[in-house]
Each structure stands twice: as structure tokens, then as C-alpha cells.
């Protein structure tokens, strides 16, 4: 049985987890190649470099357009110029 504090902490962590999962989903939505198991295949393509590039480009889009995650955490994204420095 969870205490009241543990229950509150779990509820708060669940909300954060959902926001983070949305960020990963945005990478897959914007760069569908990263979402397909046949698109990124270890040993046949540079998986880490491709995914890192997709995350970088997604972050650039979020700097320009804002995001649900930045709204959720009340933390506006930086200017694109500042992010890319």
C-alpha cells in the first residue's frame, strides 16, 4: 500500500513521463525514418548519428514553434540562434 506522499509522487512522475514520451513521439512523427525498424538497422546504417540528427532538427523546430513539453514545464524554448551556439 502506498502512502499519500508516495501516491502524490507517482502521480507527478506520471505526468512528467507523458511529456517526455510526447517529445520522443515528435521525433518519430517529424522524421518517420527513425520510427521504422527497417529504417534504422544496426550494422546497416549509422543509427546513433541518424537519431541524434533527428533529435537536433526536432529541437530546432521546437525552438521556432514552441512545444507541449515547454508549455508543460513552463519553460519557453530558447531562440534558435542561442540553441545552435
Protein backbone atom coordinates (compact mmCIF):
# COMPACT_ATOMS: atom_id res chain seq x y z
CA UNK A 1 0.00 0.00 0.00
CA UNK A 2 1.39 3.39 -0.98
CA UNK A 3 1.47 6.25 1.45
CA UNK A 4 -0.22 9.51 0.47
CA UNK A 5 3.18 11.07 -0.31
CA UNK A 6 4.23 8.11 -2.49
CA UNK A 7 0.94 8.26 -4.37
CA UNK A 8 1.36 12.00 -5.00
CA UNK A 9 4.95 11.48 -6.17
CA UNK A 10 3.90 8.70 -8.55
CA UNK A 11 1.13 10.86 -9.97
CA UNK A 12 3.57 13.73 -10.56
CA UNK A 13 6.17 11.43 -12.20
CA UNK A 14 3.49 10.00 -14.49
CA UNK A 15 2.70 13.49 -15.77
CA UNK A 16 6.39 14.15 -16.45
CA UNK A 17 6.79 10.78 -18.17
CA UNK A 18 3.93 11.56 -20.53
CA UNK A 19 5.51 14.89 -21.51
CA UNK A 20 8.85 13.19 -22.20
CA UNK A 21 7.19 10.44 -24.24
CA UNK A 22 5.47 13.12 -26.33
CA UNK A 23 8.91 14.53 -27.12
CA UNK A 24 10.09 11.14 -28.42
CA UNK A 25 6.88 10.84 -30.42
CA UNK A 26 7.58 14.18 -32.10
CA UNK A 27 10.91 12.84 -33.34
CA UNK A 28 9.15 9.82 -34.84
CA UNK A 29 6.39 11.98 -36.37
CA UNK A 30 8.73 14.54 -37.92
CA UNK A 31 11.33 12.04 -39.09
CA UNK A 32 9.41 8.86 -39.85
CA UNK A 33 12.58 7.07 -40.94
CA UNK A 34 13.55 6.85 -37.25
CA UNK A 35 10.27 5.12 -36.35
CA UNK A 36 10.56 2.13 -38.65
CA UNK A 37 12.53 -0.90 -37.58
CA UNK A 38 13.65 -1.37 -41.18
CA UNK A 39 14.66 2.28 -41.44
CA UNK A 40 17.32 2.15 -38.75
CA UNK A 41 19.11 -1.16 -38.64
CA UNK A 42 22.19 -1.72 -36.52
CA UNK A 43 25.16 -2.63 -38.69
CA UNK A 44 23.50 -1.39 -41.88
CA UNK A 45 23.06 2.30 -41.09
CA UNK A 46 24.51 4.84 -38.63
CA UNK A 47 21.65 4.51 -36.12
CA UNK A 48 23.03 6.81 -33.42
CA UNK A 49 24.02 9.58 -35.84
CA UNK A 50 20.69 9.43 -37.64
CA UNK A 51 18.67 9.56 -34.42
CA UNK A 52 20.83 12.34 -32.93
CA UNK A 53 20.36 14.38 -36.11
CA UNK A 54 16.60 13.83 -35.96
CA UNK A 55 16.54 15.00 -32.32
CA UNK A 56 18.65 18.07 -33.18
CA UNK A 57 16.33 19.02 -36.03
CA UNK A 58 13.25 18.39 -33.87
CA UNK A 59 14.70 20.65 -31.19
CA UNK A 60 15.28 23.33 -33.84
CA UNK A 61 11.61 23.06 -34.83
CA UNK A 62 10.60 23.36 -31.18
CA UNK A 63 12.72 26.50 -30.81
CA UNK A 64 10.83 28.03 -33.71
CA UNK A 65 7.33 26.73 -32.94
CA UNK A 66 7.28 26.00 -29.20
CA UNK A 67 6.16 22.68 -27.80
CA UNK A 68 3.80 20.93 -25.44
CA UNK A 69 6.76 19.94 -23.28
CA UNK A 70 7.97 23.52 -22.86
CA UNK A 71 4.42 24.57 -22.01
CA UNK A 72 4.06 21.71 -19.52
CA UNK A 73 7.25 22.65 -17.67
CA UNK A 74 6.62 26.40 -18.00
CA UNK A 75 9.99 26.77 -19.71
CA UNK A 76 9.92 28.55 -23.07
CA UNK A 77 12.35 27.20 -25.65
CA UNK A 78 15.48 29.24 -26.41
CA UNK A 79 15.89 31.25 -29.56
CA UNK A 80 17.17 29.09 -32.39
CA UNK A 81 20.37 31.15 -32.62
CA UNK A 82 21.07 30.59 -28.93
CA UNK A 83 20.31 26.87 -29.15
CA UNK A 84 22.71 26.34 -32.04
CA UNK A 85 25.63 28.20 -30.44
